[in-house]
Amino acid sequence: MLILTATSGDTGSAIANAFYGLENIRVVILYPEKEVTARQRKQMTTLRRNIRIVSLDGKFDDCQALVKQAFSDPSLAQLGLSSANSINIGRLLPQSFYFFYAWAQLSGQTDDPVIYAVPSGNFGNMMGGLLAKAMGLPVKRFVIATNENDEVPVYWQTGRYQTVVPSRNCISSAMNVGHPSNMARIISYYGGTMDEKGRITREPVIARMHAEIAAYSIPDDLTVDTMKALYREYGVMTEPHGAAGWAGLKQFLKDFPDDARPDQLAVSLETAHPAKFPEEIRKVLNIDPPLPASIKGLDSLEESFDRLRNSYVQFKEYLLDHYNR
């Protein structure tokens, strides 16, 4: 099996480490050259063996488009293609479980409704939450928190969905997505239809969607202020994505004061360890984030990766050159 994956930073390293060294599994991971941190990159590029890493001269949306085109290309069928990021429903099903886990740890009773703030880029995490709700988790509201790639919050406000091309480069780099692939699943969940280009051909049930989800775009300056405030007020070190989620939750509770009662259970999700973003942590908090054991010594390891232009012809040739038998 040849696993193709596009990553905006975190998914790639998780997949690379999960499949590293497994027989009969080969992995190709594409990432946007200028929009992952050094440590995110090194978690992928220092492995080798059955893992190939490709730096693409483009955006995450470009990486994702190449992977999707490869899946639909019949001339690559002999490669045994599959995926392991949120393109694959097999990623979303287990991802829904920790919504249950967080609620079970914090809830005082079985019907205690919870508000989840979900930092969102490609919206796989958000879709996992909706699956959890469909399975019976008592969710009162989801709060989507994007960065300045605001195509979804704008859609919530105006009813018009328009992709952001090219995506905007923000400090919460894993959320630099101008057209989330899972947005089509969310639209479908609420009874609508969205095509591959982001055109909504059948409207979802808007009233239900708005009753269950709120959406906010968090600019970089508010993300930075939130990182500082969390550390100053609570001693909690968070990286830009988690800070965006917390800022979105605070804005939601301000806009909907009835949901800000002291007994209201609310959970803001974190998406990565601060040690993956040392440059931003140093810049914002003037300290070095502690290193977990899993990435100690990573900075000194030698990297190995390939570079490609944003060209499907070149990407296809790359796959056939390395994997066609």
C-alpha atoms as a PDB file:
ATOM      1  CA  MET A   1       0.000   0.000   0.000  1.00  0.00           C
ATOM      2  CA  LEU A   2       1.206   3.498  -0.845  1.00  0.00           C
ATOM      3  CA  ILE A   3      -0.185   6.136   1.494  1.00  0.00           C
ATOM      4  CA  LEU A   4      -0.377   9.667   0.085  1.00  0.00           C
ATOM      5  CA  THR A   5      -0.896  12.491   2.536  1.00  0.00           C
ATOM      6  CA  ALA A   6      -0.950  16.270   2.426  1.00  0.00           C
ATOM      7  CA  THR A   7      -0.076  18.020   5.658  1.00  0.00           C
ATOM      8  CA  SER A   8      -0.149  21.554   6.973  1.00  0.00           C
ATOM      9  CA  GLY A   9       2.212  20.538   9.765  1.00  0.00           C
ATOM     10  CA  ASP A  10       0.948  18.117  12.393  1.00  0.00           C
ATOM     11  CA  THR A  11      -0.783  15.315  10.496  1.00  0.00           C
ATOM     12  CA  GLY A  12       2.343  14.547   8.470  1.00  0.00           C
ATOM     13  CA  SER A  13       4.578  13.874  11.449  1.00  0.00           C
ATOM     14  CA  ALA A  14       1.900  11.735  13.115  1.00  0.00           C
ATOM     15  CA  ILE A  15       1.465   9.603   9.994  1.00  0.00           C
ATOM     16  CA  ALA A  16       5.193   9.353   9.313  1.00  0.00           C
ATOM     17  CA  ASN A  17       5.861   8.064  12.823  1.00  0.00           C
ATOM     18  CA  ALA A  18       2.825   5.764  12.834  1.00  0.00           C
ATOM     19  CA  PHE A  19       3.848   3.900   9.672  1.00  0.00           C
ATOM     20  CA  TYR A  20       7.621   4.161  10.026  1.00  0.00           C
ATOM     21  CA  GLY A  21       9.369   0.858   9.414  1.00  0.00           C
ATOM     22  CA  LEU A  22       6.233  -1.162   8.600  1.00  0.00           C
ATOM     23  CA  GLU A  23       6.674  -3.758   5.871  1.00  0.00           C
ATOM     24  CA  ASN A  24       4.568  -3.389   2.706  1.00  0.00           C
ATOM     25  CA  ILE A  25       3.547   0.173   3.666  1.00  0.00           C
ATOM     26  CA  ARG A  26       5.135   3.088   1.851  1.00  0.00           C
ATOM     27  CA  VAL A  27       4.331   6.699   2.670  1.00  0.00           C
ATOM     28  CA  VAL A  28       4.635   9.942   0.673  1.00  0.00           C
ATOM     29  CA  ILE A  29       3.888  13.160   2.552  1.00  0.00           C
ATOM     30  CA  LEU A  30       3.582  16.551   0.841  1.00  0.00           C
ATOM     31  CA  TYR A  31       3.951  19.754   2.852  1.00  0.00           C
ATOM     32  CA  PRO A  32       3.995  23.451   1.877  1.00  0.00           C
ATOM     33  CA  GLU A  33       7.643  24.488   1.771  1.00  0.00           C
ATOM     34  CA  LYS A  34       7.328  27.771   3.651  1.00  0.00           C
ATOM     35  CA  GLU A  35       4.485  27.073   6.088  1.00  0.00           C
ATOM     36  CA  VAL A  36       5.614  24.457   8.609  1.00  0.00           C
ATOM     37  CA  THR A  37       7.972  24.975  11.528  1.00  0.00           C
ATOM     38  CA  ALA A  38      11.459  23.466  11.585  1.00  0.00           C
ATOM     39  CA  ARG A  39      10.470  20.944  14.249  1.00  0.00           C
ATOM     40  CA  GLN A  40       7.302  19.927  12.452  1.00  0.00           C
ATOM     41  CA  ARG A  41       9.404  19.352   9.342  1.00  0.00           C
ATOM     42  CA  LYS A  42      12.121  17.423  11.171  1.00  0.00           C
ATOM     43  CA  GLN A  43       9.588  15.078  12.755  1.00  0.00           C
ATOM     44  CA  MET A  44       9.019  13.883   9.179  1.00  0.00           C
ATOM     45  CA  THR A  45      12.302  14.381   7.336  1.00  0.00           C
ATOM     46  CA  THR A  46      14.606  12.594   9.794  1.00  0.00           C
ATOM     47  CA  LEU A  47      12.929   9.162   9.495  1.00  0.00           C
ATOM     48  CA  ARG A  48      13.736   7.848   5.958  1.00  0.00           C
ATOM     49  CA  ARG A  49      13.297   4.072   5.275  1.00  0.00           C
ATOM     50  CA  ASN A  50       9.718   3.676   3.965  1.00  0.00           C
ATOM     51  CA  ILE A  51       8.887   7.369   4.467  1.00  0.00           C
ATOM     52  CA  ARG A  52       9.374   9.935   1.671  1.00  0.00           C
ATOM     53  CA  ILE A  53       8.821  13.616   2.365  1.00  0.00           C
ATOM     54  CA  VAL A  54       8.140  16.091  -0.424  1.00  0.00           C
ATOM     55  CA  SER A  55       8.448  19.856  -0.013  1.00  0.00           C
ATOM     56  CA  LEU A  56       6.058  21.545  -2.436  1.00  0.00           C
ATOM     57  CA  ASP A  57       6.544  25.027  -3.808  1.00  0.00           C
ATOM     58  CA  GLY A  58       2.991  26.025  -2.899  1.00  0.00           C
ATOM     59  CA  LYS A  59       0.302  26.098  -0.243  1.00  0.00           C
ATOM     60  CA  PHE A  60      -1.368  23.314   1.723  1.00  0.00           C
ATOM     61  CA  ASP A  61      -4.376  23.559  -0.593  1.00  0.00           C
ATOM     62  CA  ASP A  62      -2.019  22.820  -3.497  1.00  0.00           C
ATOM     63  CA  CYS A  63      -0.608  19.760  -1.684  1.00  0.00           C
ATOM     64  CA  GLN A  64      -4.125  18.509  -1.012  1.00  0.00           C
ATOM     65  CA  ALA A  65      -5.202  19.076  -4.616  1.00  0.00           C
ATOM     66  CA  LEU A  66      -2.294  16.983  -5.940  1.00  0.00           C
ATOM     67  CA  VAL A  67      -3.104  14.121  -3.578  1.00  0.00           C
ATOM     68  CA  LYS A  68      -6.791  14.155  -4.532  1.00  0.00           C
ATOM     69  CA  GLN A  69      -5.952  14.239  -8.233  1.00  0.00           C
ATOM     70  CA  ALA A  70      -3.679  11.219  -7.807  1.00  0.00           C
ATOM     71  CA  PHE A  71      -6.505   9.274  -6.156  1.00  0.00           C
ATOM     72  CA  SER A  72      -8.766   9.948  -9.133  1.00  0.00           C
ATOM     73  CA  ASP A  73      -6.103   9.100 -11.746  1.00  0.00           C
ATOM     74  CA  PRO A  74      -6.776   5.591 -13.153  1.00  0.00           C
ATOM     75  CA  SER A  75      -3.225   5.356 -14.509  1.00  0.00           C
ATOM     76  CA  LEU A  76      -1.954   5.213 -10.893  1.00  0.00           C
ATOM     77  CA  ALA A  77      -4.309   2.449  -9.797  1.00  0.00           C
ATOM     78  CA  GLN A  78      -1.487  -0.110  -9.768  1.00  0.00           C
ATOM     79  CA  LEU A  79       0.269   1.783  -6.948  1.00  0.00           C
ATOM     80  CA  GLY A  80      -2.285   0.722  -4.318  1.00  0.00           C
ATOM     81  CA  LEU A  81      -3.027   4.249  -3.128  1.00  0.00           C
ATOM     82  CA  SER A  82      -4.638   5.104   0.195  1.00  0.00           C
ATOM     83  CA  SER A  83      -4.599   8.043   2.589  1.00  0.00           C
ATOM     84  CA  ALA A  84      -4.333   8.584   6.321  1.00  0.00           C
ATOM     85  CA  ASN A  85      -5.231  12.214   6.860  1.00  0.00           C
ATOM     86  CA  SER A  86      -8.741  13.607   7.131  1.00  0.00           C
ATOM     87  CA  ILE A  87      -9.451  12.867   3.471  1.00  0.00           C
ATOM     88  CA  ASN A  88      -9.911   9.341   4.874  1.00  0.00           C
ATOM     89  CA  ILE A  89     -13.015   8.691   7.006  1.00  0.00           C
ATOM     90  CA  GLY A  90     -10.871   6.188   8.906  1.00  0.00           C
ATOM     91  CA  ARG A  91      -9.054   9.123  10.459  1.00  0.00           C
ATOM     92  CA  LEU A  92     -12.236  10.914  11.531  1.00  0.00           C
ATOM     93  CA  LEU A  93     -13.913   8.021  13.337  1.00  0.00           C
ATOM     94  CA  PRO A  94     -11.238   7.537  16.023  1.00  0.00           C
ATOM     95  CA  GLN A  95     -10.782  11.307  16.173  1.00  0.00           C
ATOM     96  CA  SER A  96     -14.338  11.594  17.433  1.00  0.00           C
ATOM     97  CA  PHE A  97     -13.553   9.520  20.521  1.00  0.00           C
ATOM     98  CA  TYR A  98     -11.628  12.126  22.489  1.00  0.00           C
ATOM     99  CA  PHE A  99     -14.630  14.438  22.372  1.00  0.00           C
ATOM    100  CA  PHE A 100     -16.356  11.738  24.411  1.00  0.00           C
ATOM    101  CA  TYR A 101     -13.267  11.320  26.591  1.00  0.00           C
ATOM    102  CA  ALA A 102     -13.011  15.017  27.483  1.00  0.00           C
ATOM    103  CA  TRP A 103     -16.720  15.209  28.292  1.00  0.00           C
ATOM    104  CA  ALA A 104     -16.558  12.031  30.416  1.00  0.00           C
ATOM    105  CA  GLN A 105     -13.648  13.418  32.461  1.00  0.00           C
ATOM    106  CA  LEU A 106     -15.301  16.782  33.106  1.00  0.00           C
ATOM    107  CA  SER A 107     -19.045  16.203  33.129  1.00  0.00           C
ATOM    108  CA  GLY A 108     -20.892  15.781  36.376  1.00  0.00           C
ATOM    109  CA  GLN A 109     -23.870  13.935  34.894  1.00  0.00           C
ATOM    110  CA  THR A 110     -24.743  11.889  31.841  1.00  0.00           C
ATOM    111  CA  ASP A 111     -26.844  14.568  30.140  1.00  0.00           C
ATOM    112  CA  ASP A 112     -24.553  17.519  30.904  1.00  0.00           C
ATOM    113  CA  PRO A 113     -24.328  19.447  27.590  1.00  0.00           C
ATOM    114  CA  VAL A 114     -20.910  20.715  26.548  1.00  0.00           C
ATOM    115  CA  ILE A 115     -19.623  23.560  24.373  1.00  0.00           C
ATOM    116  CA  TYR A 116     -16.529  22.687  22.300  1.00  0.00           C
ATOM    117  CA  ALA A 117     -14.204  25.284  20.795  1.00  0.00           C
ATOM    118  CA  VAL A 118     -12.362  23.662  17.882  1.00  0.00           C
ATOM    119  CA  PRO A 119      -9.338  25.303  16.205  1.00  0.00           C
ATOM    120  CA  SER A 120     -10.001  24.561  12.533  1.00  0.00           C
ATOM    121  CA  GLY A 121      -7.980  24.436   9.320  1.00  0.00           C
ATOM    122  CA  ASN A 122      -8.977  21.484   7.154  1.00  0.00           C
ATOM    123  CA  PHE A 123     -11.938  20.816   9.525  1.00  0.00           C
ATOM    124  CA  GLY A 124     -11.223  17.137  10.156  1.00  0.00           C
ATOM    125  CA  ASN A 125     -11.248  17.747  13.910  1.00  0.00           C
ATOM    126  CA  MET A 126     -14.533  19.613  13.611  1.00  0.00           C
ATOM    127  CA  MET A 127     -16.067  16.825  11.526  1.00  0.00           C
ATOM    128  CA  GLY A 128     -14.950  14.308  14.153  1.00  0.00           C
ATOM    129  CA  GLY A 129     -16.872  16.353  16.721  1.00  0.00           C
ATOM    130  CA  LEU A 130     -20.019  16.313  14.590  1.00  0.00           C
ATOM    131  CA  LEU A 131     -19.727  12.522  14.290  1.00  0.00           C
ATOM    132  CA  ALA A 132     -19.466  12.342  18.095  1.00  0.00           C
ATOM    133  CA  LYS A 133     -22.621  14.451  18.386  1.00  0.00           C
ATOM    134  CA  ALA A 134     -24.407  12.188  15.903  1.00  0.00           C
ATOM    135  CA  MET A 135     -23.402   9.207  18.064  1.00  0.00           C
ATOM    136  CA  GLY A 136     -25.095  10.762  21.096  1.00  0.00           C
ATOM    137  CA  LEU A 137     -22.580  13.088  22.747  1.00  0.00           C
ATOM    138  CA  PRO A 138     -24.652  15.912  24.349  1.00  0.00           C
ATOM    139  CA  VAL A 139     -23.037  18.866  22.573  1.00  0.00           C
ATOM    140  CA  LYS A 140     -24.731  22.213  23.155  1.00  0.00           C
ATOM    141  CA  ARG A 141     -22.662  24.147  20.611  1.00  0.00           C
ATOM    142  CA  PHE A 142     -19.494  23.873  18.569  1.00  0.00           C
ATOM    143  CA  VAL A 143     -17.375  27.017  18.230  1.00  0.00           C
ATOM    144  CA  ILE A 144     -15.239  27.011  15.088  1.00  0.00           C
ATOM    145  CA  ALA A 145     -12.079  29.099  15.450  1.00  0.00           C
ATOM    146  CA  THR A 146     -10.123  29.714  12.243  1.00  0.00           C
ATOM    147  CA  ASN A 147      -7.220  32.082  11.690  1.00  0.00           C
ATOM    148  CA  GLU A 148      -7.395  34.819   9.035  1.00  0.00           C
ATOM    149  CA  ASN A 149      -8.327  32.197   6.437  1.00  0.00           C
ATOM    150  CA  ASP A 150     -11.915  33.118   7.147  1.00  0.00           C
ATOM    151  CA  GLU A 151     -13.886  31.484   4.338  1.00  0.00           C
ATOM    152  CA  VAL A 152     -16.034  29.540   6.822  1.00  0.00           C
ATOM    153  CA  PRO A 153     -16.778  32.365   9.331  1.00  0.00           C
ATOM    154  CA  VAL A 154     -17.635  34.602   6.362  1.00  0.00           C
ATOM    155  CA  TYR A 155     -19.995  31.908   5.070  1.00  0.00           C
ATOM    156  CA  TRP A 156     -21.650  31.771   8.500  1.00  0.00           C
ATOM    157  CA  GLN A 157     -22.139  35.552   8.457  1.00  0.00           C
ATOM    158  CA  THR A 158     -23.166  36.093   4.831  1.00  0.00           C
ATOM    159  CA  GLY A 159     -24.408  32.778   3.461  1.00  0.00           C
ATOM    160  CA  ARG A 160     -21.804  33.001   0.653  1.00  0.00           C
ATOM    161  CA  TYR A 161     -18.943  30.511   0.575  1.00  0.00           C
ATOM    162  CA  GLN A 162     -15.858  31.727  -1.242  1.00  0.00           C
ATOM    163  CA  THR A 163     -12.484  30.015  -1.083  1.00  0.00           C
ATOM    164  CA  VAL A 164      -9.401  32.016  -0.036  1.00  0.00           C
ATOM    165  CA  VAL A 165      -6.874  31.721  -2.880  1.00  0.00           C
ATOM    166  CA  PRO A 166      -4.047  31.755  -2.097  1.00  0.00           C
ATOM    167  CA  SER A 167      -4.457  30.960   1.584  1.00  0.00           C
ATOM    168  CA  ARG A 168      -3.207  33.606   4.016  1.00  0.00           C
ATOM    169  CA  ASN A 169       0.010  32.874   5.891  1.00  0.00           C
ATOM    170  CA  CYS A 170      -0.717  33.144   9.635  1.00  0.00           C
ATOM    171  CA  ILE A 171       1.254  32.154  12.739  1.00  0.00           C
ATOM    172  CA  SER A 172      -1.210  29.289  13.311  1.00  0.00           C
ATOM    173  CA  SER A 173       0.264  27.717  10.182  1.00  0.00           C
ATOM    174  CA  ALA A 174      -1.525  24.357  10.342  1.00  0.00           C
ATOM    175  CA  MET A 175      -4.791  26.270   9.829  1.00  0.00           C
ATOM    176  CA  ASN A 176      -3.602  28.043   6.656  1.00  0.00           C
ATOM    177  CA  VAL A 177      -6.270  26.397   4.516  1.00  0.00           C
ATOM    178  CA  GLY A 178      -8.248  28.332   1.935  1.00  0.00           C
ATOM    179  CA  HIS A 179     -10.720  25.550   1.108  1.00  0.00           C
ATOM    180  CA  PRO A 180     -11.085  22.819   3.762  1.00  0.00           C
ATOM    181  CA  SER A 181     -11.807  19.422   2.220  1.00  0.00           C
ATOM    182  CA  ASN A 182     -14.036  18.506   5.174  1.00  0.00           C
ATOM    183  CA  MET A 183     -16.304  21.494   4.574  1.00  0.00           C
ATOM    184  CA  ALA A 184     -18.136  19.378   1.989  1.00  0.00           C
ATOM    185  CA  ARG A 185     -18.774  16.767   4.696  1.00  0.00           C
ATOM    186  CA  ILE A 186     -20.105  19.417   7.085  1.00  0.00           C
ATOM    187  CA  ILE A 187     -22.433  20.776   4.404  1.00  0.00           C
ATOM    188  CA  SER A 188     -23.600  17.211   3.713  1.00  0.00           C
ATOM    189  CA  TYR A 189     -24.140  16.589   7.439  1.00  0.00           C
ATOM    190  CA  TYR A 190     -26.689  19.426   7.382  1.00  0.00           C
ATOM    191  CA  GLY A 191     -28.429  18.195   4.235  1.00  0.00           C
ATOM    192  CA  GLY A 192     -26.608  20.183   1.560  1.00  0.00           C
ATOM    193  CA  THR A 193     -24.177  19.439  -1.256  1.00  0.00           C
ATOM    194  CA  MET A 194     -20.816  21.059  -2.040  1.00  0.00           C
ATOM    195  CA  ASP A 195     -18.678  20.105  -5.025  1.00  0.00           C
ATOM    196  CA  GLU A 196     -14.898  19.748  -5.181  1.00  0.00           C
ATOM    197  CA  LYS A 197     -14.415  23.424  -6.095  1.00  0.00           C
ATOM    198  CA  GLY A 198     -16.434  24.696  -3.130  1.00  0.00           C
ATOM    199  CA  ARG A 199     -19.639  25.445  -5.014  1.00  0.00           C
ATOM    200  CA  ILE A 200     -22.756  24.750  -2.946  1.00  0.00           C
ATOM    201  CA  THR A 201     -25.232  23.112  -5.314  1.00  0.00           C
ATOM    202  CA  ARG A 202     -27.829  22.336  -2.632  1.00  0.00           C
ATOM    203  CA  GLU A 203     -28.167  24.524   0.439  1.00  0.00           C
ATOM    204  CA  PRO A 204     -27.881  22.885   3.864  1.00  0.00           C
ATOM    205  CA  VAL A 205     -30.451  23.457   6.600  1.00  0.00           C
ATOM    206  CA  ILE A 206     -29.008  26.814   7.653  1.00  0.00           C
ATOM    207  CA  ALA A 207     -31.125  27.289  10.791  1.00  0.00           C
ATOM    208  CA  ARG A 208     -30.010  23.952  12.247  1.00  0.00           C
ATOM    209  CA  MET A 209     -26.397  24.550  11.280  1.00  0.00           C
ATOM    210  CA  HIS A 210     -26.314  27.966  12.976  1.00  0.00           C
ATOM    211  CA  ALA A 211     -28.086  26.624  16.048  1.00  0.00           C
ATOM    212  CA  GLU A 212     -25.367  24.022  16.536  1.00  0.00           C
ATOM    213  CA  ILE A 213     -22.224  25.838  15.332  1.00  0.00           C
ATOM    214  CA  ALA A 214     -20.790  29.337  15.738  1.00  0.00           C
ATOM    215  CA  ALA A 215     -17.755  30.451  13.713  1.00  0.00           C
ATOM    216  CA  TYR A 216     -15.053  33.064  14.397  1.00  0.00           C
ATOM    217  CA  SER A 217     -11.935  34.238  12.589  1.00  0.00           C
ATOM    218  CA  ILE A 218      -9.066  34.992  14.984  1.00  0.00           C
ATOM    219  CA  PRO A 219      -6.408  37.392  13.633  1.00  0.00           C
ATOM    220  CA  ASP A 220      -2.743  36.964  14.501  1.00  0.00           C
ATOM    221  CA  ASP A 221      -2.631  39.893  16.928  1.00  0.00           C
ATOM    222  CA  LEU A 222      -5.496  38.433  18.987  1.00  0.00           C
ATOM    223  CA  THR A 223      -3.810  35.015  18.885  1.00  0.00           C
ATOM    224  CA  VAL A 224      -0.631  36.549  20.329  1.00  0.00           C
ATOM    225  CA  ASP A 225      -2.549  38.476  22.995  1.00  0.00           C
ATOM    226  CA  THR A 226      -4.355  35.277  23.976  1.00  0.00           C
ATOM    227  CA  MET A 227      -1.094  33.332  24.305  1.00  0.00           C
ATOM    228  CA  LYS A 228       0.205  36.035  26.630  1.00  0.00           C
ATOM    229  CA  ALA A 229      -2.998  36.218  28.668  1.00  0.00           C
ATOM    230  CA  LEU A 230      -3.245  32.447  29.143  1.00  0.00           C
ATOM    231  CA  TYR A 231       0.314  32.287  30.427  1.00  0.00           C
ATOM    232  CA  ARG A 232      -0.017  35.389  32.597  1.00  0.00           C
ATOM    233  CA  GLU A 233      -3.380  34.543  34.150  1.00  0.00           C
ATOM    234  CA  TYR A 234      -3.294  30.749  34.347  1.00  0.00           C
ATOM    235  CA  GLY A 235       0.331  29.701  33.837  1.00  0.00           C
ATOM    236  CA  VAL A 236      -0.781  27.758  30.747  1.00  0.00           C
ATOM    237  CA  MET A 237       1.583  27.721  27.787  1.00  0.00           C
ATOM    238  CA  THR A 238      -0.268  27.276  24.522  1.00  0.00           C
ATOM    239  CA  GLU A 239       0.782  27.507  20.901  1.00  0.00           C
ATOM    240  CA  PRO A 240      -1.006  29.615  18.251  1.00  0.00           C
ATOM    241  CA  HIS A 241      -3.673  27.065  17.260  1.00  0.00           C
ATOM    242  CA  GLY A 242      -4.820  26.365  20.802  1.00  0.00           C
ATOM    243  CA  ALA A 243      -4.783  30.091  21.540  1.00  0.00           C
ATOM    244  CA  ALA A 244      -7.081  30.706  18.561  1.00  0.00           C
ATOM    245  CA  GLY A 245      -9.508  28.124  19.949  1.00  0.00           C
ATOM    246  CA  TRP A 246      -9.509  29.796  23.377  1.00  0.00           C
ATOM    247  CA  ALA A 247     -10.013  33.242  21.815  1.00  0.00           C
ATOM    248  CA  GLY A 248     -12.949  31.876  19.803  1.00  0.00           C
ATOM    249  CA  LEU A 249     -14.535  30.415  22.936  1.00  0.00           C
ATOM    250  CA  LYS A 250     -14.169  33.699  24.833  1.00  0.00           C
ATOM    251  CA  GLN A 251     -15.738  35.647  21.969  1.00  0.00           C
ATOM    252  CA  PHE A 252     -18.618  33.172  21.772  1.00  0.00           C
ATOM    253  CA  LEU A 253     -19.325  33.464  25.520  1.00  0.00           C
ATOM    254  CA  LYS A 254     -19.283  37.247  25.172  1.00  0.00           C
ATOM    255  CA  ASP A 255     -21.725  37.129  22.254  1.00  0.00           C
ATOM    256  CA  PHE A 256     -23.980  34.587  23.978  1.00  0.00           C
ATOM    257  CA  PRO A 257     -23.939  35.521  27.685  1.00  0.00           C
ATOM    258  CA  ASP A 258     -26.659  32.978  28.518  1.00  0.00           C
ATOM    259  CA  ASP A 259     -24.073  30.280  27.776  1.00  0.00           C
ATOM    260  CA  ALA A 260     -21.481  31.872  30.077  1.00  0.00           C
ATOM    261  CA  ARG A 261     -23.057  30.628  33.313  1.00  0.00           C
ATOM    262  CA  PRO A 262     -20.640  29.250  35.930  1.00  0.00           C
ATOM    263  CA  ASP A 263     -22.167  25.778  35.609  1.00  0.00           C
ATOM    264  CA  GLN A 264     -21.822  25.599  31.818  1.00  0.00           C
ATOM    265  CA  LEU A 265     -19.271  22.966  30.734  1.00  0.00           C
ATOM    266  CA  ALA A 266     -16.998  24.280  27.976  1.00  0.00           C
ATOM    267  CA  VAL A 267     -13.899  22.680  26.462  1.00  0.00           C
ATOM    268  CA  SER A 268     -11.319  24.424  24.288  1.00  0.00           C
ATOM    269  CA  LEU A 269      -9.264  21.941  22.288  1.00  0.00           C
ATOM    270  CA  GLU A 270      -5.489  22.114  21.862  1.00  0.00           C
ATOM    271  CA  THR A 271      -3.999  20.677  18.689  1.00  0.00           C
ATOM    272  CA  ALA A 272      -0.217  20.521  19.165  1.00  0.00           C
ATOM    273  CA  HIS A 273       2.540  20.689  21.772  1.00  0.00           C
ATOM    274  CA  PRO A 274       4.057  24.182  22.200  1.00  0.00           C
ATOM    275  CA  ALA A 275       7.514  22.674  21.589  1.00  0.00           C
ATOM    276  CA  LYS A 276       6.625  22.376  17.900  1.00  0.00           C
ATOM    277  CA  PHE A 277       6.476  26.178  17.706  1.00  0.00           C
ATOM    278  CA  PRO A 278       9.568  27.343  19.642  1.00  0.00           C
ATOM    279  CA  GLU A 279      10.113  30.430  17.486  1.00  0.00           C
ATOM    280  CA  GLU A 280       6.620  31.779  18.222  1.00  0.00           C
ATOM    281  CA  ILE A 281       6.791  30.853  21.917  1.00  0.00           C
ATOM    282  CA  ARG A 282      10.123  32.665  22.305  1.00  0.00           C
ATOM    283  CA  LYS A 283       8.815  35.685  20.416  1.00  0.00           C
ATOM    284  CA  VAL A 284       5.575  35.924  22.401  1.00  0.00           C
ATOM    285  CA  LEU A 285       6.541  34.687  25.895  1.00  0.00           C
ATOM    286  CA  ASN A 286      10.321  35.156  25.797  1.00  0.00           C
ATOM    287  CA  ILE A 287      10.900  31.600  27.078  1.00  0.00           C
ATOM    288  CA  ASP A 288      11.748  28.226  25.573  1.00  0.00           C
ATOM    289  CA  PRO A 289       8.945  25.641  25.656  1.00  0.00           C
ATOM    290  CA  PRO A 290       9.888  22.424  27.486  1.00  0.00           C
ATOM    291  CA  LEU A 291      10.763  19.536  25.195  1.00  0.00           C
ATOM    292  CA  PRO A 292       8.809  16.282  25.494  1.00  0.00           C
ATOM    293  CA  ALA A 293      10.958  13.143  25.401  1.00  0.00           C
ATOM    294  CA  SER A 294       9.675  12.247  21.926  1.00  0.00           C
ATOM    295  CA  ILE A 295      11.446  15.185  20.237  1.00  0.00           C
ATOM    296  CA  LYS A 296      14.576  15.593  22.365  1.00  0.00           C
ATOM    297  CA  GLY A 297      17.609  15.493  20.080  1.00  0.00           C
ATOM    298  CA  LEU A 298      15.472  16.066  16.997  1.00  0.00           C
ATOM    299  CA  ASP A 299      17.131  19.359  16.098  1.00  0.00           C
ATOM    300  CA  SER A 300      20.531  17.710  15.570  1.00  0.00           C
ATOM    301  CA  LEU A 301      19.337  14.925  13.240  1.00  0.00           C
ATOM    302  CA  GLU A 302      20.093  15.001   9.509  1.00  0.00           C
ATOM    303  CA  GLU A 303      17.155  15.623   7.195  1.00  0.00           C
ATOM    304  CA  SER A 304      16.227  13.993   3.904  1.00  0.00           C
ATOM    305  CA  PHE A 305      13.452  15.251   1.633  1.00  0.00           C
ATOM    306  CA  ASP A 306      12.662  15.984  -2.003  1.00  0.00           C
ATOM    307  CA  ARG A 307      11.443  19.186  -3.622  1.00  0.00           C
ATOM    308  CA  LEU A 308       8.787  19.509  -6.308  1.00  0.00           C
ATOM    309  CA  ARG A 309       7.082  22.322  -8.167  1.00  0.00           C
ATOM    310  CA  ASN A 310       3.321  22.696  -7.847  1.00  0.00           C
ATOM    311  CA  SER A 311       2.710  20.505 -10.890  1.00  0.00           C
ATOM    312  CA  TYR A 312       0.591  17.374 -11.088  1.00  0.00           C
ATOM    313  CA  VAL A 313       2.592  16.148 -14.083  1.00  0.00           C
ATOM    314  CA  GLN A 314       5.791  16.334 -12.046  1.00  0.00           C
ATOM    315  CA  PHE A 315       4.149  14.750  -8.982  1.00  0.00           C
ATOM    316  CA  LYS A 316       2.797  11.879 -11.071  1.00  0.00           C
ATOM    317  CA  GLU A 317       6.214  11.294 -12.623  1.00  0.00           C
ATOM    318  CA  TYR A 318       7.725  11.288  -9.131  1.00  0.00           C
ATOM    319  CA  LEU A 319       5.308   8.587  -7.955  1.00  0.00           C
ATOM    320  CA  LEU A 320       5.833   6.431 -11.025  1.00  0.00           C
ATOM    321  CA  ASP A 321       9.627   6.806 -10.882  1.00  0.00           C
ATOM    322  CA  HIS A 322       9.796   5.698  -7.250  1.00  0.00           C
ATOM    323  CA  TYR A 323       6.931   3.249  -6.840  1.00  0.00           C
ATOM    324  CA  ASN A 324       5.828   1.769 -10.190  1.00  0.00           C
ATOM    325  CA  ARG A 325       6.718  -1.941 -10.456  1.00  0.00           C
END
